[in-house]
Amino acid sequence: MKIPANTLQLTISIDQSTDVLDISAEHHLSVTMADNQQIFYKNILNGLMSKLNTELEAFAFQGSLLAEIAALRSVLDEEDDEEFGFGFEAAEELIDAVKKNKDEKIVEFNGKKKPH
């Protein structure tokens, strides 16, 4: 089957009985594409093939990390923020002070006293 013009295509075929992968690549770059562009895209395809053939485990590891991040993010999104200590409700006094003193300090800090 012919691939569309200006397409780079990677195919990874899996033999599940032997757990062997066959990685192949094709390209169909337009004859009107500039030579430097064709070289660039062919180099991308060659680089991807090299990485896939030598660092497949690294791709799998990175994919597992991304899946873990997505799972943790969904847990955090489902939880109430206050349960994790992120909740904050300003006291009326603070809200009033901010409204009154927009251009001034609300809380005076004494630089001579150390906060410990």
C-alpha atoms as a PDB file:
ATOM      1  CA  MET A   1       0.000   0.000   0.000  1.00  0.00           C
ATOM      2  CA  LYS A   2       1.385   3.382  -1.008  1.00  0.00           C
ATOM      3  CA  ILE A   3       1.728   5.927   1.767  1.00  0.00           C
ATOM      4  CA  PRO A   4       0.568   9.527   1.237  1.00  0.00           C
ATOM      5  CA  ALA A   5       2.963  12.167  -0.031  1.00  0.00           C
ATOM      6  CA  ASN A   6       5.186  13.878   2.535  1.00  0.00           C
ATOM      7  CA  THR A   7       4.772  11.071   5.031  1.00  0.00           C
ATOM      8  CA  LEU A   8       7.247   9.264   7.256  1.00  0.00           C
ATOM      9  CA  GLN A   9       5.918   5.924   8.461  1.00  0.00           C
ATOM     10  CA  LEU A  10       7.200   3.601  11.163  1.00  0.00           C
ATOM     11  CA  THR A  11       5.806   0.110  11.465  1.00  0.00           C
ATOM     12  CA  ILE A  12       6.386  -2.087  14.484  1.00  0.00           C
ATOM     13  CA  SER A  13       5.228  -5.648  13.968  1.00  0.00           C
ATOM     14  CA  ILE A  14       5.072  -7.998  16.961  1.00  0.00           C
ATOM     15  CA  ASP A  15       5.443 -11.765  16.835  1.00  0.00           C
ATOM     16  CA  GLN A  16       3.746 -12.574  20.120  1.00  0.00           C
ATOM     17  CA  SER A  17       4.849 -16.198  20.183  1.00  0.00           C
ATOM     18  CA  THR A  18       8.559 -15.300  20.039  1.00  0.00           C
ATOM     19  CA  ASP A  19       8.236 -11.741  21.434  1.00  0.00           C
ATOM     20  CA  VAL A  20      10.301 -10.447  18.528  1.00  0.00           C
ATOM     21  CA  LEU A  21       9.696  -7.014  17.076  1.00  0.00           C
ATOM     22  CA  ASP A  22      10.231  -6.116  13.460  1.00  0.00           C
ATOM     23  CA  ILE A  23      10.737  -2.386  13.047  1.00  0.00           C
ATOM     24  CA  SER A  24      10.559  -0.909   9.582  1.00  0.00           C
ATOM     25  CA  ALA A  25      10.356   2.557   8.107  1.00  0.00           C
ATOM     26  CA  GLU A  26       9.165   4.061   4.873  1.00  0.00           C
ATOM     27  CA  HIS A  27       8.962   7.526   3.483  1.00  0.00           C
ATOM     28  CA  HIS A  28       7.275   9.209   0.566  1.00  0.00           C
ATOM     29  CA  LEU A  29       8.613  12.711   0.195  1.00  0.00           C
ATOM     30  CA  SER A  30       7.396  14.945  -2.585  1.00  0.00           C
ATOM     31  CA  VAL A  31       9.758  15.493  -5.497  1.00  0.00           C
ATOM     32  CA  THR A  32       9.021  19.202  -5.152  1.00  0.00           C
ATOM     33  CA  MET A  33      10.336  19.240  -1.558  1.00  0.00           C
ATOM     34  CA  ALA A  34      13.650  21.057  -1.203  1.00  0.00           C
ATOM     35  CA  ASP A  35      16.715  18.819  -0.988  1.00  0.00           C
ATOM     36  CA  ASN A  36      17.686  20.108   2.466  1.00  0.00           C
ATOM     37  CA  GLN A  37      14.180  19.309   3.754  1.00  0.00           C
ATOM     38  CA  GLN A  38      14.336  15.797   2.307  1.00  0.00           C
ATOM     39  CA  ILE A  39      17.712  15.212   3.934  1.00  0.00           C
ATOM     40  CA  PHE A  40      16.392  16.521   7.266  1.00  0.00           C
ATOM     41  CA  TYR A  41      13.331  14.231   7.268  1.00  0.00           C
ATOM     42  CA  LYS A  42      15.318  11.204   6.127  1.00  0.00           C
ATOM     43  CA  ASN A  43      17.780  11.889   8.964  1.00  0.00           C
ATOM     44  CA  ILE A  44      14.857  12.022  11.423  1.00  0.00           C
ATOM     45  CA  LEU A  45      13.651   8.658  10.173  1.00  0.00           C
ATOM     46  CA  ASN A  46      17.139   7.135  10.398  1.00  0.00           C
ATOM     47  CA  GLY A  47      17.583   8.534  13.917  1.00  0.00           C
ATOM     48  CA  LEU A  48      14.249   7.117  15.039  1.00  0.00           C
ATOM     49  CA  MET A  49      15.122   3.725  13.597  1.00  0.00           C
ATOM     50  CA  SER A  50      18.467   3.772  15.393  1.00  0.00           C
ATOM     51  CA  LYS A  51      16.870   4.684  18.731  1.00  0.00           C
ATOM     52  CA  LEU A  52      14.087   2.129  18.340  1.00  0.00           C
ATOM     53  CA  ASN A  53      16.574  -0.626  17.536  1.00  0.00           C
ATOM     54  CA  THR A  54      18.937   0.198  20.400  1.00  0.00           C
ATOM     55  CA  GLU A  55      16.835   1.832  23.126  1.00  0.00           C
ATOM     56  CA  LEU A  56      13.442   0.144  23.039  1.00  0.00           C
ATOM     57  CA  GLU A  57      13.557  -0.528  26.797  1.00  0.00           C
ATOM     58  CA  ALA A  58      14.129   3.188  27.439  1.00  0.00           C
ATOM     59  CA  PHE A  59      11.002   4.010  25.419  1.00  0.00           C
ATOM     60  CA  ALA A  60       9.020   1.470  27.440  1.00  0.00           C
ATOM     61  CA  PHE A  61      10.364   2.893  30.707  1.00  0.00           C
ATOM     62  CA  GLN A  62       9.496   6.451  29.713  1.00  0.00           C
ATOM     63  CA  GLY A  63       6.023   5.297  28.702  1.00  0.00           C
ATOM     64  CA  SER A  64       5.538   3.636  32.092  1.00  0.00           C
ATOM     65  CA  LEU A  65       6.561   6.869  33.844  1.00  0.00           C
ATOM     66  CA  LEU A  66       4.052   8.849  31.789  1.00  0.00           C
ATOM     67  CA  ALA A  67       1.328   6.330  32.633  1.00  0.00           C
ATOM     68  CA  GLU A  68       2.187   6.635  36.346  1.00  0.00           C
ATOM     69  CA  ILE A  69       2.058  10.435  36.157  1.00  0.00           C
ATOM     70  CA  ALA A  70      -1.341  10.270  34.471  1.00  0.00           C
ATOM     71  CA  ALA A  71      -2.636   7.893  37.152  1.00  0.00           C
ATOM     72  CA  LEU A  72      -1.364  10.124  39.970  1.00  0.00           C
ATOM     73  CA  ARG A  73      -2.801  13.214  38.305  1.00  0.00           C
ATOM     74  CA  SER A  74      -6.228  11.587  38.056  1.00  0.00           C
ATOM     75  CA  VAL A  75      -6.076  10.648  41.750  1.00  0.00           C
ATOM     76  CA  LEU A  76      -5.217  14.231  42.676  1.00  0.00           C
ATOM     77  CA  ASP A  77      -7.952  15.607  40.430  1.00  0.00           C
ATOM     78  CA  GLU A  78     -10.542  13.373  42.116  1.00  0.00           C
ATOM     79  CA  GLU A  79      -9.492  14.244  45.662  1.00  0.00           C
ATOM     80  CA  ASP A  80     -10.589  17.278  47.605  1.00  0.00           C
ATOM     81  CA  ASP A  81      -7.777  19.845  47.654  1.00  0.00           C
ATOM     82  CA  GLU A  82      -8.229  20.481  51.376  1.00  0.00           C
ATOM     83  CA  GLU A  83      -7.377  16.875  52.134  1.00  0.00           C
ATOM     84  CA  PHE A  84      -3.869  17.568  50.847  1.00  0.00           C
ATOM     85  CA  GLY A  85      -3.533  20.880  52.655  1.00  0.00           C
ATOM     86  CA  PHE A  86      -4.014  23.092  49.617  1.00  0.00           C
ATOM     87  CA  GLY A  87      -7.194  24.748  50.826  1.00  0.00           C
ATOM     88  CA  PHE A  88      -7.031  28.389  51.848  1.00  0.00           C
ATOM     89  CA  GLU A  89      -9.796  30.739  52.799  1.00  0.00           C
ATOM     90  CA  ALA A  90      -8.759  34.261  53.645  1.00  0.00           C
ATOM     91  CA  ALA A  91     -10.172  35.771  56.812  1.00  0.00           C
ATOM     92  CA  GLU A  92     -12.483  38.744  56.357  1.00  0.00           C
ATOM     93  CA  GLU A  93      -9.877  40.923  58.078  1.00  0.00           C
ATOM     94  CA  LEU A  94      -7.313  40.056  55.430  1.00  0.00           C
ATOM     95  CA  ILE A  95      -9.759  40.647  52.585  1.00  0.00           C
ATOM     96  CA  ASP A  96     -10.706  44.033  54.067  1.00  0.00           C
ATOM     97  CA  ALA A  97      -7.049  44.977  54.588  1.00  0.00           C
ATOM     98  CA  VAL A  98      -6.212  44.113  51.001  1.00  0.00           C
ATOM     99  CA  LYS A  99      -9.141  46.166  49.714  1.00  0.00           C
ATOM    100  CA  LYS A 100      -8.216  49.203  51.858  1.00  0.00           C
ATOM    101  CA  ASN A 101      -4.469  49.125  51.374  1.00  0.00           C
ATOM    102  CA  LYS A 102      -3.914  47.998  47.811  1.00  0.00           C
ATOM    103  CA  ASP A 103      -0.675  49.952  47.467  1.00  0.00           C
ATOM    104  CA  GLU A 104       0.644  49.501  50.987  1.00  0.00           C
ATOM    105  CA  LYS A 105       2.054  46.733  53.132  1.00  0.00           C
ATOM    106  CA  ILE A 106      -0.650  44.788  54.886  1.00  0.00           C
ATOM    107  CA  VAL A 107       1.600  43.138  57.421  1.00  0.00           C
ATOM    108  CA  GLU A 108       4.601  44.971  58.837  1.00  0.00           C
ATOM    109  CA  PHE A 109       7.722  42.865  59.039  1.00  0.00           C
ATOM    110  CA  ASN A 110      10.471  43.758  61.465  1.00  0.00           C
ATOM    111  CA  GLY A 111      13.718  42.773  59.799  1.00  0.00           C
ATOM    112  CA  LYS A 112      15.550  42.709  63.124  1.00  0.00           C
ATOM    113  CA  LYS A 113      13.502  39.872  64.610  1.00  0.00           C
ATOM    114  CA  LYS A 114      14.345  36.427  63.335  1.00  0.00           C
ATOM    115  CA  PRO A 115      11.361  34.089  62.836  1.00  0.00           C
ATOM    116  CA  HIS A 116      12.666  31.076  64.781  1.00  0.00           C
END
